[in-house]
Amino acid sequence: TKYADSVKGRFTISRDNAKNTVTLQMSRLKPEDTAVYFCAAAFMRD
């Protein structure tokens, strides 16, 4: 996994390939976290 420095220790990403879902658990949210959040998929990308 990789995290932006601004969210390290507060956000956790996980995935369940069997259920085709990806989750972003966000805690200790700050006003600067306000945004539109998008998920994206990239084929065979690091």
All heavy atoms as atom14 arrays in JSON, in Angstrom:
{
  "sequence": "TKYADSVKGRFTISRDNAKNTVTLQMSRLKPEDTAVYFCAAAFMRD",
  "atom14_mask": [
    [1, 1, 1, 1, 1, 1, 1, 0, 0, 0, 0, 0, 0, 0],
    [1, 1, 1, 1, 1, 1, 1, 1, 1, 0, 0, 0, 0, 0],
    [1, 1, 1, 1, 1, 1, 1, 1, 1, 1, 1, 1, 0, 0],
    [1, 1, 1, 1, 1, 0, 0, 0, 0, 0, 0, 0, 0, 0],
    [1, 1, 1, 1, 1, 1, 1, 1, 0, 0, 0, 0, 0, 0],
    [1, 1, 1, 1, 1, 1, 0, 0, 0, 0, 0, 0, 0, 0],
    [1, 1, 1, 1, 1, 1, 1, 0, 0, 0, 0, 0, 0, 0],
    [1, 1, 1, 1, 1, 1, 1, 1, 1, 0, 0, 0, 0, 0],
    [1, 1, 1, 1, 0, 0, 0, 0, 0, 0, 0, 0, 0, 0],
    [1, 1, 1, 1, 1, 1, 1, 1, 1, 1, 1, 0, 0, 0],
    [1, 1, 1, 1, 1, 1, 1, 1, 1, 1, 1, 0, 0, 0],
    [1, 1, 1, 1, 1, 1, 1, 0, 0, 0, 0, 0, 0, 0],
    [1, 1, 1, 1, 1, 1, 1, 1, 0, 0, 0, 0, 0, 0],
    [1, 1, 1, 1, 1, 1, 0, 0, 0, 0, 0, 0, 0, 0],
    [1, 1, 1, 1, 1, 1, 1, 1, 1, 1, 1, 0, 0, 0],
    [1, 1, 1, 1, 1, 1, 1, 1, 0, 0, 0, 0, 0, 0],
    [1, 1, 1, 1, 1, 1, 1, 1, 0, 0, 0, 0, 0, 0],
    [1, 1, 1, 1, 1, 0, 0, 0, 0, 0, 0, 0, 0, 0],
    [1, 1, 1, 1, 1, 1, 1, 1, 1, 0, 0, 0, 0, 0],
    [1, 1, 1, 1, 1, 1, 1, 1, 0, 0, 0, 0, 0, 0],
    [1, 1, 1, 1, 1, 1, 1, 0, 0, 0, 0, 0, 0, 0],
    [1, 1, 1, 1, 1, 1, 1, 0, 0, 0, 0, 0, 0, 0],
    [1, 1, 1, 1, 1, 1, 1, 0, 0, 0, 0, 0, 0, 0],
    [1, 1, 1, 1, 1, 1, 1, 1, 0, 0, 0, 0, 0, 0],
    [1, 1, 1, 1, 1, 1, 1, 1, 1, 0, 0, 0, 0, 0],
    [1, 1, 1, 1, 1, 1, 1, 1, 0, 0, 0, 0, 0, 0],
    [1, 1, 1, 1, 1, 1, 0, 0, 0, 0, 0, 0, 0, 0],
    [1, 1, 1, 1, 1, 1, 1, 1, 1, 1, 1, 0, 0, 0],
    [1, 1, 1, 1, 1, 1, 1, 1, 0, 0, 0, 0, 0, 0],
    [1, 1, 1, 1, 1, 1, 1, 1, 1, 0, 0, 0, 0, 0],
    [1, 1, 1, 1, 1, 1, 1, 0, 0, 0, 0, 0, 0, 0],
    [1, 1, 1, 1, 1, 1, 1, 1, 1, 0, 0, 0, 0, 0],
    [1, 1, 1, 1, 1, 1, 1, 1, 0, 0, 0, 0, 0, 0],
    [1, 1, 1, 1, 1, 1, 1, 0, 0, 0, 0, 0, 0, 0],
    [1, 1, 1, 1, 1, 0, 0, 0, 0, 0, 0, 0, 0, 0],
    [1, 1, 1, 1, 1, 1, 1, 0, 0, 0, 0, 0, 0, 0],
    [1, 1, 1, 1, 1, 1, 1, 1, 1, 1, 1, 1, 0, 0],
    [1, 1, 1, 1, 1, 1, 1, 1, 1, 1, 1, 0, 0, 0],
    [1, 1, 1, 1, 1, 1, 0, 0, 0, 0, 0, 0, 0, 0],
    [1, 1, 1, 1, 1, 0, 0, 0, 0, 0, 0, 0, 0, 0],
    [1, 1, 1, 1, 1, 0, 0, 0, 0, 0, 0, 0, 0, 0],
    [1, 1, 1, 1, 1, 0, 0, 0, 0, 0, 0, 0, 0, 0],
    [1, 1, 1, 1, 1, 1, 1, 1, 1, 1, 1, 0, 0, 0],
    [1, 1, 1, 1, 1, 1, 1, 1, 0, 0, 0, 0, 0, 0],
    [1, 1, 1, 1, 1, 1, 1, 1, 1, 1, 1, 0, 0, 0],
    [1, 1, 1, 1, 1, 1, 1, 1, 0, 0, 0, 0, 0, 0]
  ],
  "atom14_positions": [
    [[0.83, -1.19, 0.0], [0.0, 0.0, 0.0], [0.87, 1.25, 0.0], [2.05, 1.2, 0.39], [-0.91, 0.06, 1.25], [-0.09, -0.01, 2.43], [-1.91, -1.08, 1.25], [0.0, 0.0, 0.0], [0.0, 0.0, 0.0], [0.0, 0.0, 0.0], [0.0, 0.0, 0.0], [0.0, 0.0, 0.0], [0.0, 0.0, 0.0], [0.0, 0.0, 0.0]],
    [[0.29, 2.33, -0.44], [0.98, 3.62, -0.44], [-0.02, 4.67, 0.02], [-1.21, 4.63, -0.33], [1.5, 3.97, -1.83], [2.2, 5.32, -1.9], [2.78, 5.58, -3.26], [3.37, 6.99, -3.33], [4.48, 7.15, -2.35], [0.0, 0.0, 0.0], [0.0, 0.0, 0.0], [0.0, 0.0, 0.0], [0.0, 0.0, 0.0], [0.0, 0.0, 0.0]],
    [[0.47, 5.61, 0.82], [-0.37, 6.68, 1.34], [0.31, 8.03, 1.1], [1.53, 8.15, 1.22], [-0.62, 6.51, 2.84], [-1.4, 5.27, 3.18], [-0.75, 4.08, 3.49], [-2.79, 5.27, 3.19], [-1.46, 2.94, 3.81], [-3.52, 4.14, 3.51], [-2.84, 2.97, 3.81], [-3.56, 1.83, 4.11], [0.0, 0.0, 0.0], [0.0, 0.0, 0.0]],
    [[-0.5, 9.03, 0.84], [0.02, 10.39, 0.82], [0.46, 10.76, 2.24], [-0.15, 10.29, 3.22], [-1.06, 11.36, 0.33], [0.0, 0.0, 0.0], [0.0, 0.0, 0.0], [0.0, 0.0, 0.0], [0.0, 0.0, 0.0], [0.0, 0.0, 0.0], [0.0, 0.0, 0.0], [0.0, 0.0, 0.0], [0.0, 0.0, 0.0], [0.0, 0.0, 0.0]],
    [[1.48, 11.56, 2.35], [1.97, 11.95, 3.67], [0.87, 12.59, 4.52], [0.84, 12.41, 5.74], [3.14, 12.94, 3.53], [4.4, 12.27, 3.02], [4.49, 11.02, 3.08], [5.3, 12.99, 2.55], [0.0, 0.0, 0.0], [0.0, 0.0, 0.0], [0.0, 0.0, 0.0], [0.0, 0.0, 0.0], [0.0, 0.0, 0.0], [0.0, 0.0, 0.0]],
    [[-0.03, 13.29, 3.87], [-1.06, 14.01, 4.6], [-2.09, 13.1, 5.26], [-2.84, 13.55, 6.14], [-1.79, 14.98, 3.65], [-2.34, 14.27, 2.55], [0.0, 0.0, 0.0], [0.0, 0.0, 0.0], [0.0, 0.0, 0.0], [0.0, 0.0, 0.0], [0.0, 0.0, 0.0], [0.0, 0.0, 0.0], [0.0, 0.0, 0.0], [0.0, 0.0, 0.0]],
    [[-2.14, 11.82, 4.87], [-3.14, 10.92, 5.43], [-2.54, 9.73, 6.17], [-3.27, 8.92, 6.74], [-4.11, 10.4, 4.34], [-4.72, 11.57, 3.57], [-3.44, 9.42, 3.4], [0.0, 0.0, 0.0], [0.0, 0.0, 0.0], [0.0, 0.0, 0.0], [0.0, 0.0, 0.0], [0.0, 0.0, 0.0], [0.0, 0.0, 0.0], [0.0, 0.0, 0.0]],
    [[-1.24, 9.62, 6.16], [-0.59, 8.47, 6.84], [-0.97, 8.42, 8.31], [-0.97, 9.44, 8.99], [0.94, 8.59, 6.71], [1.48, 8.14, 5.37], [2.99, 8.26, 5.32], [3.52, 7.84, 3.96], [4.99, 8.04, 3.86], [0.0, 0.0, 0.0], [0.0, 0.0, 0.0], [0.0, 0.0, 0.0], [0.0, 0.0, 0.0], [0.0, 0.0, 0.0]],
    [[-1.32, 7.22, 8.75], [-1.71, 7.04, 10.14], [-3.17, 7.34, 10.41], [-3.67, 7.06, 11.51], [0.0, 0.0, 0.0], [0.0, 0.0, 0.0], [0.0, 0.0, 0.0], [0.0, 0.0, 0.0], [0.0, 0.0, 0.0], [0.0, 0.0, 0.0], [0.0, 0.0, 0.0], [0.0, 0.0, 0.0], [0.0, 0.0, 0.0], [0.0, 0.0, 0.0]],
    [[-3.87, 7.92, 9.42], [-5.28, 8.25, 9.61], [-6.18, 7.45, 8.66], [-7.33, 7.15, 9.0], [-5.51, 9.74, 9.37], [-4.73, 10.64, 10.31], [-5.17, 12.1, 10.17], [-4.91, 12.65, 8.84], [-5.85, 13.14, 8.05], [-7.12, 13.16, 8.42], [-5.52, 13.64, 6.85], [0.0, 0.0, 0.0], [0.0, 0.0, 0.0], [0.0, 0.0, 0.0]],
    [[-5.69, 7.13, 7.48], [-6.47, 6.42, 6.47], [-5.9, 5.01, 6.29], [-4.7, 4.8, 6.39], [-6.41, 7.14, 5.12], [-7.13, 8.45, 5.07], [-7.59, 9.1, 6.2], [-7.34, 9.07, 3.84], [-8.25, 10.32, 6.12], [-8.0, 10.28, 3.73], [-8.45, 10.91, 4.88], [0.0, 0.0, 0.0], [0.0, 0.0, 0.0], [0.0, 0.0, 0.0]],
    [[-6.8, 4.07, 5.98], [-6.4, 2.7, 5.7], [-7.13, 2.19, 4.46], [-8.37, 2.27, 4.4], [-6.71, 1.77, 6.89], [-6.06, 2.26, 8.07], [-6.23, 0.36, 6.6], [0.0, 0.0, 0.0], [0.0, 0.0, 0.0], [0.0, 0.0, 0.0], [0.0, 0.0, 0.0], [0.0, 0.0, 0.0], [0.0, 0.0, 0.0], [0.0, 0.0, 0.0]],
    [[-6.38, 1.69, 3.51], [-6.97, 1.14, 2.29], [-6.95, -0.39, 2.37], [-6.01, -0.99, 2.91], [-6.23, 1.64, 1.03], [-6.99, 1.28, -0.24], [-4.8, 1.11, 0.99], [-6.42, 1.92, -1.51], [0.0, 0.0, 0.0], [0.0, 0.0, 0.0], [0.0, 0.0, 0.0], [0.0, 0.0, 0.0], [0.0, 0.0, 0.0], [0.0, 0.0, 0.0]],
    [[-7.99, -1.01, 1.85], [-8.04, -2.47, 1.8], [-8.84, -2.88, 0.57], [-9.59, -2.07, 0.0], [-8.67, -3.03, 3.08], [-9.98, -2.57, 3.24], [0.0, 0.0, 0.0], [0.0, 0.0, 0.0], [0.0, 0.0, 0.0], [0.0, 0.0, 0.0], [0.0, 0.0, 0.0], [0.0, 0.0, 0.0], [0.0, 0.0, 0.0], [0.0, 0.0, 0.0]],
    [[-8.71, -4.14, 0.2], [-9.45, -4.62, -0.97], [-9.87, -6.07, -0.75], [-9.2, -6.83, -0.03], [-8.62, -4.5, -2.25], [-7.39, -5.38, -2.32], [-6.54, -5.04, -3.53], [-7.17, -5.43, -4.79], [-6.78, -5.01, -5.99], [-5.78, -4.16, -6.09], [-7.41, -5.44, -7.07], [0.0, 0.0, 0.0], [0.0, 0.0, 0.0], [0.0, 0.0, 0.0]],
    [[-10.96, -6.44, -1.38], [-11.45, -7.81, -1.35], [-11.74, -8.18, -2.8], [-12.79, -7.83, -3.35], [-12.71, -7.91, -0.49], [-13.19, -9.35, -0.31], [-12.89, -10.19, -1.17], [-13.88, -9.62, 0.68], [0.0, 0.0, 0.0], [0.0, 0.0, 0.0], [0.0, 0.0, 0.0], [0.0, 0.0, 0.0], [0.0, 0.0, 0.0], [0.0, 0.0, 0.0]],
    [[-10.8, -8.88, -3.42], [-10.95, -9.21, -4.84], [-12.13, -10.15, -5.1], [-12.76, -10.11, -6.15], [-9.67, -9.8, -5.39], [-8.57, -8.77, -5.56], [-8.76, -7.59, -5.25], [-7.42, -9.2, -6.04], [0.0, 0.0, 0.0], [0.0, 0.0, 0.0], [0.0, 0.0, 0.0], [0.0, 0.0, 0.0], [0.0, 0.0, 0.0], [0.0, 0.0, 0.0]],
    [[-12.43, -10.99, -4.13], [-13.56, -11.92, -4.29], [-14.88, -11.16, -4.34], [-15.82, -11.58, -5.03], [-13.57, -12.93, -3.15], [0.0, 0.0, 0.0], [0.0, 0.0, 0.0], [0.0, 0.0, 0.0], [0.0, 0.0, 0.0], [0.0, 0.0, 0.0], [0.0, 0.0, 0.0], [0.0, 0.0, 0.0], [0.0, 0.0, 0.0], [0.0, 0.0, 0.0]],
    [[-14.95, -10.05, -3.62], [-16.18, -9.25, -3.58], [-16.1, -8.03, -4.5], [-17.05, -7.25, -4.56], [-16.47, -8.8, -2.16], [-16.76, -9.95, -1.21], [-17.1, -9.43, 0.19], [-17.43, -10.59, 1.13], [-17.75, -10.11, 2.5], [0.0, 0.0, 0.0], [0.0, 0.0, 0.0], [0.0, 0.0, 0.0], [0.0, 0.0, 0.0], [0.0, 0.0, 0.0]],
    [[-14.95, -7.88, -5.18], [-14.77, -6.74, -6.09], [-15.02, -5.4, -5.4], [-15.7, -4.53, -5.95], [-15.67, -6.87, -7.32], [-15.06, -7.77, -8.38], [-14.1, -8.49, -8.12], [-15.61, -7.73, -9.57], [0.0, 0.0, 0.0], [0.0, 0.0, 0.0], [0.0, 0.0, 0.0], [0.0, 0.0, 0.0], [0.0, 0.0, 0.0], [0.0, 0.0, 0.0]],
    [[-14.49, -5.24, -4.21], [-14.66, -3.99, -3.49], [-13.32, -3.51, -2.93], [-12.44, -4.31, -2.6], [-15.65, -4.12, -2.33], [-15.18, -5.13, -1.45], [-17.04, -4.46, -2.82], [0.0, 0.0, 0.0], [0.0, 0.0, 0.0], [0.0, 0.0, 0.0], [0.0, 0.0, 0.0], [0.0, 0.0, 0.0], [0.0, 0.0, 0.0], [0.0, 0.0, 0.0]],
    [[-13.21, -2.2, -2.85], [-12.05, -1.56, -2.24], [-12.58, -0.54, -1.24], [-13.53, 0.2, -1.54], [-11.17, -0.87, -3.29], [-9.95, -0.23, -2.64], [-10.73, -1.87, -4.36], [0.0, 0.0, 0.0], [0.0, 0.0, 0.0], [0.0, 0.0, 0.0], [0.0, 0.0, 0.0], [0.0, 0.0, 0.0], [0.0, 0.0, 0.0], [0.0, 0.0, 0.0]],
    [[-11.99, -0.51, -0.08], [-12.46, 0.35, 0.99], [-11.36, 1.31, 1.43], [-10.19, 0.95, 1.48], [-12.91, -0.5, 2.19], [-13.97, -1.37, 1.78], [-13.42, 0.4, 3.32], [0.0, 0.0, 0.0], [0.0, 0.0, 0.0], [0.0, 0.0, 0.0], [0.0, 0.0, 0.0], [0.0, 0.0, 0.0], [0.0, 0.0, 0.0], [0.0, 0.0, 0.0]],
    [[-11.77, 2.53, 1.73], [-10.87, 3.52, 2.32], [-11.47, 3.94, 3.66], [-12.48, 4.63, 3.7], [-10.69, 4.73, 1.41], [-9.67, 5.77, 1.92], [-8.25, 5.19, 1.86], [-9.76, 7.05, 1.1], [0.0, 0.0, 0.0], [0.0, 0.0, 0.0], [0.0, 0.0, 0.0], [0.0, 0.0, 0.0], [0.0, 0.0, 0.0], [0.0, 0.0, 0.0]],
    [[-10.86, 3.47, 4.73], [-11.3, 3.83, 6.07], [-10.57, 5.11, 6.48], [-9.33, 5.13, 6.51], [-10.99, 2.71, 7.06], [-11.44, 2.99, 8.48], [-12.94, 3.11, 8.61], [-13.69, 2.34, 8.05], [-13.38, 4.11, 9.37], [0.0, 0.0, 0.0], [0.0, 0.0, 0.0], [0.0, 0.0, 0.0], [0.0, 0.0, 0.0], [0.0, 0.0, 0.0]],
    [[-11.34, 6.16, 6.78], [-10.76, 7.45, 7.11], [-11.11, 7.81, 8.55], [-12.28, 7.76, 8.94], [-11.29, 8.53, 6.16], [-11.13, 8.18, 4.69], [-11.62, 9.52, 3.59], [-13.37, 9.59, 3.94], [0.0, 0.0, 0.0], [0.0, 0.0, 0.0], [0.0, 0.0, 0.0], [0.0, 0.0, 0.0], [0.0, 0.0, 0.0], [0.0, 0.0, 0.0]],
    [[-10.12, 8.17, 9.32], [-10.35, 8.56, 10.71], [-9.62, 9.86, 10.99], [-8.77, 10.3, 10.21], [-9.9, 7.46, 11.67], [-8.51, 7.22, 11.52], [0.0, 0.0, 0.0], [0.0, 0.0, 0.0], [0.0, 0.0, 0.0], [0.0, 0.0, 0.0], [0.0, 0.0, 0.0], [0.0, 0.0, 0.0], [0.0, 0.0, 0.0], [0.0, 0.0, 0.0]],
    [[-9.94, 10.46, 12.13], [-9.36, 11.74, 12.54], [-9.38, 12.73, 11.38], [-8.36, 13.35, 11.05], [-7.95, 11.53, 13.08], [-7.92, 10.81, 14.42], [-6.51, 10.71, 14.95], [-5.77, 9.65, 14.31], [-4.48, 9.71, 14.02], [-3.79, 10.79, 14.26], [-3.88, 8.68, 13.45], [0.0, 0.0, 0.0], [0.0, 0.0, 0.0], [0.0, 0.0, 0.0]],
    [[-10.54, 12.86, 10.79], [-10.68, 13.72, 9.61], [-10.47, 15.18, 9.95], [-10.82, 15.65, 11.04], [-12.03, 13.49, 8.96], [-12.12, 12.19, 8.17], [-13.57, 11.78, 7.96], [-11.42, 12.33, 6.83], [0.0, 0.0, 0.0], [0.0, 0.0, 0.0], [0.0, 0.0, 0.0], [0.0, 0.0, 0.0], [0.0, 0.0, 0.0], [0.0, 0.0, 0.0]],
    [[-9.92, 15.91, 8.99], [-9.61, 17.32, 9.13], [-10.35, 18.11, 8.05], [-10.68, 17.57, 7.0], [-8.11, 17.54, 8.96], [-7.23, 16.74, 9.88], [-5.76, 16.94, 9.55], [-4.87, 16.1, 10.45], [-3.43, 16.3, 10.12], [0.0, 0.0, 0.0], [0.0, 0.0, 0.0], [0.0, 0.0, 0.0], [0.0, 0.0, 0.0], [0.0, 0.0, 0.0]],
    [[-10.59, 19.38, 8.28], [-11.25, 20.19, 7.24], [-10.51, 20.13, 5.9], [-11.17, 20.16, 4.84], [-11.22, 21.59, 7.84], [-11.25, 21.37, 9.32], [-10.42, 20.13, 9.54], [0.0, 0.0, 0.0], [0.0, 0.0, 0.0], [0.0, 0.0, 0.0], [0.0, 0.0, 0.0], [0.0, 0.0, 0.0], [0.0, 0.0, 0.0], [0.0, 0.0, 0.0]],
    [[-9.21, 20.02, 5.93], [-8.46, 19.97, 4.68], [-8.62, 18.64, 3.93], [-8.13, 18.5, 2.8], [-6.97, 20.25, 4.91], [-6.34, 19.43, 6.01], [-6.29, 20.16, 7.34], [-7.31, 20.82, 7.7], [-5.25, 20.07, 8.02], [0.0, 0.0, 0.0], [0.0, 0.0, 0.0], [0.0, 0.0, 0.0], [0.0, 0.0, 0.0], [0.0, 0.0, 0.0]],
    [[-9.31, 17.67, 4.53], [-9.64, 16.43, 3.82], [-10.88, 16.61, 2.94], [-11.24, 15.7, 2.19], [-9.89, 15.29, 4.81], [-8.64, 14.89, 5.58], [-7.56, 14.82, 4.96], [-8.75, 14.66, 6.79], [0.0, 0.0, 0.0], [0.0, 0.0, 0.0], [0.0, 0.0, 0.0], [0.0, 0.0, 0.0], [0.0, 0.0, 0.0], [0.0, 0.0, 0.0]],
    [[-11.54, 17.74, 3.06], [-12.72, 18.01, 2.24], [-12.38, 17.98, 0.76], [-11.46, 18.67, 0.31], [-13.32, 19.38, 2.6], [-13.8, 19.33, 3.95], [-14.47, 19.74, 1.67], [0.0, 0.0, 0.0], [0.0, 0.0, 0.0], [0.0, 0.0, 0.0], [0.0, 0.0, 0.0], [0.0, 0.0, 0.0], [0.0, 0.0, 0.0], [0.0, 0.0, 0.0]],
    [[-13.09, 17.14, 0.02], [-12.81, 16.97, -1.4], [-13.81, 15.99, -1.98], [-14.56, 15.33, -1.24], [-11.39, 16.44, -1.62], [0.0, 0.0, 0.0], [0.0, 0.0, 0.0], [0.0, 0.0, 0.0], [0.0, 0.0, 0.0], [0.0, 0.0, 0.0], [0.0, 0.0, 0.0], [0.0, 0.0, 0.0], [0.0, 0.0, 0.0], [0.0, 0.0, 0.0]],
    [[-13.81, 15.89, -3.29], [-14.49, 14.77, -3.96], [-13.47, 13.64, -4.06], [-12.35, 13.85, -4.54], [-14.98, 15.18, -5.36], [-15.65, 13.97, -6.04], [-15.96, 16.33, -5.26], [0.0, 0.0, 0.0], [0.0, 0.0, 0.0], [0.0, 0.0, 0.0], [0.0, 0.0, 0.0], [0.0, 0.0, 0.0], [0.0, 0.0, 0.0], [0.0, 0.0, 0.0]],
    [[-13.87, 12.47, -3.6], [-12.99, 11.31, -3.59], [-13.37, 10.36, -4.73], [-14.54, 10.02, -4.89], [-13.07, 10.59, -2.25], [-12.31, 11.3, -1.16], [-12.78, 12.5, -0.64], [-11.12, 10.79, -0.66], [-12.06, 13.18, 0.34], [-10.4, 11.44, 0.33], [-10.88, 12.64, 0.83], [-10.17, 13.3, 1.8], [0.0, 0.0, 0.0], [0.0, 0.0, 0.0]],
    [[-12.37, 9.95, -5.49], [-12.56, 9.07, -6.63], [-11.77, 7.78, -6.41], [-10.66, 7.82, -5.89], [-12.03, 9.71, -7.92], [-12.67, 11.01, -8.29], [-12.2, 12.2, -7.77], [-13.73, 11.04, -9.19], [-12.78, 13.42, -8.13], [-14.31, 12.23, -9.56], [-13.84, 13.43, -9.02], [0.0, 0.0, 0.0], [0.0, 0.0, 0.0], [0.0, 0.0, 0.0]],
    [[-12.33, 6.68, -6.85], [-11.51, 5.47, -6.94], [-11.21, 5.22, -8.41], [-11.97, 5.63, -9.31], [-12.17, 4.26, -6.3], [-13.67, 3.67, -7.08], [0.0, 0.0, 0.0], [0.0, 0.0, 0.0], [0.0, 0.0, 0.0], [0.0, 0.0, 0.0], [0.0, 0.0, 0.0], [0.0, 0.0, 0.0], [0.0, 0.0, 0.0], [0.0, 0.0, 0.0]],
    [[-10.06, 4.6, -8.63], [-9.61, 4.33, -9.99], [-8.92, 2.98, -10.05], [-8.39, 2.5, -9.04], [-8.67, 5.43, -10.46], [0.0, 0.0, 0.0], [0.0, 0.0, 0.0], [0.0, 0.0, 0.0], [0.0, 0.0, 0.0], [0.0, 0.0, 0.0], [0.0, 0.0, 0.0], [0.0, 0.0, 0.0], [0.0, 0.0, 0.0], [0.0, 0.0, 0.0]],
    [[-8.91, 2.4, -11.22], [-8.25, 1.12, -11.46], [-7.25, 1.28, -12.59], [-7.55, 1.92, -13.61], [-9.28, 0.05, -11.81], [0.0, 0.0, 0.0], [0.0, 0.0, 0.0], [0.0, 0.0, 0.0], [0.0, 0.0, 0.0], [0.0, 0.0, 0.0], [0.0, 0.0, 0.0], [0.0, 0.0, 0.0], [0.0, 0.0, 0.0], [0.0, 0.0, 0.0]],
    [[-6.06, 0.72, -12.4], [-5.02, 0.79, -13.42], [-4.5, -0.62, -13.68], [-4.11, -1.33, -12.74], [-3.89, 1.7, -12.97], [0.0, 0.0, 0.0], [0.0, 0.0, 0.0], [0.0, 0.0, 0.0], [0.0, 0.0, 0.0], [0.0, 0.0, 0.0], [0.0, 0.0, 0.0], [0.0, 0.0, 0.0], [0.0, 0.0, 0.0], [0.0, 0.0, 0.0]],
    [[-4.48, -1.0, -14.95], [-4.09, -2.36, -15.33], [-2.59, -2.56, -15.13], [-1.77, -1.86, -15.73], [-4.47, -2.61, -16.79], [-4.17, -3.99, -17.27], [-4.97, -5.04, -16.88], [-3.1, -4.24, -18.11], [-4.71, -6.32, -17.32], [-2.82, -5.51, -18.55], [-3.64, -6.56, -18.16], [0.0, 0.0, 0.0], [0.0, 0.0, 0.0], [0.0, 0.0, 0.0]],
    [[-2.23, -3.5, -14.25], [-0.85, -3.92, -14.04], [0.09, -2.76, -13.73], [1.26, -2.78, -14.12], [-0.35, -4.67, -15.28], [-1.16, -5.9, -15.63], [-1.0, -7.23, -14.44], [0.62, -7.86, -14.87], [0.0, 0.0, 0.0], [0.0, 0.0, 0.0], [0.0, 0.0, 0.0], [0.0, 0.0, 0.0], [0.0, 0.0, 0.0], [0.0, 0.0, 0.0]],
    [[-0.42, -1.76, -13.05], [0.39, -0.59, -12.71], [0.96, -0.73, -11.3], [0.29, -1.26, -10.42], [-0.47, 0.67, -12.83], [0.22, 1.97, -12.56], [1.12, 2.36, -13.68], [0.36, 2.7, -14.89], [0.93, 3.1, -16.02], [2.23, 3.2, -16.11], [0.19, 3.4, -17.07], [0.0, 0.0, 0.0], [0.0, 0.0, 0.0], [0.0, 0.0, 0.0]],
    [[2.18, -0.25, -11.06], [2.72, -0.26, -9.7], [2.1, 0.88, -8.9], [1.7, 1.92, -9.45], [4.24, -0.15, -9.72], [4.71, 1.17, -10.27], [4.82, 1.3, -11.5], [4.94, 2.1, -9.46], [0.0, 0.0, 0.0], [0.0, 0.0, 0.0], [0.0, 0.0, 0.0], [0.0, 0.0, 0.0], [0.0, 0.0, 0.0], [0.0, 0.0, 0.0]]
  ]
}
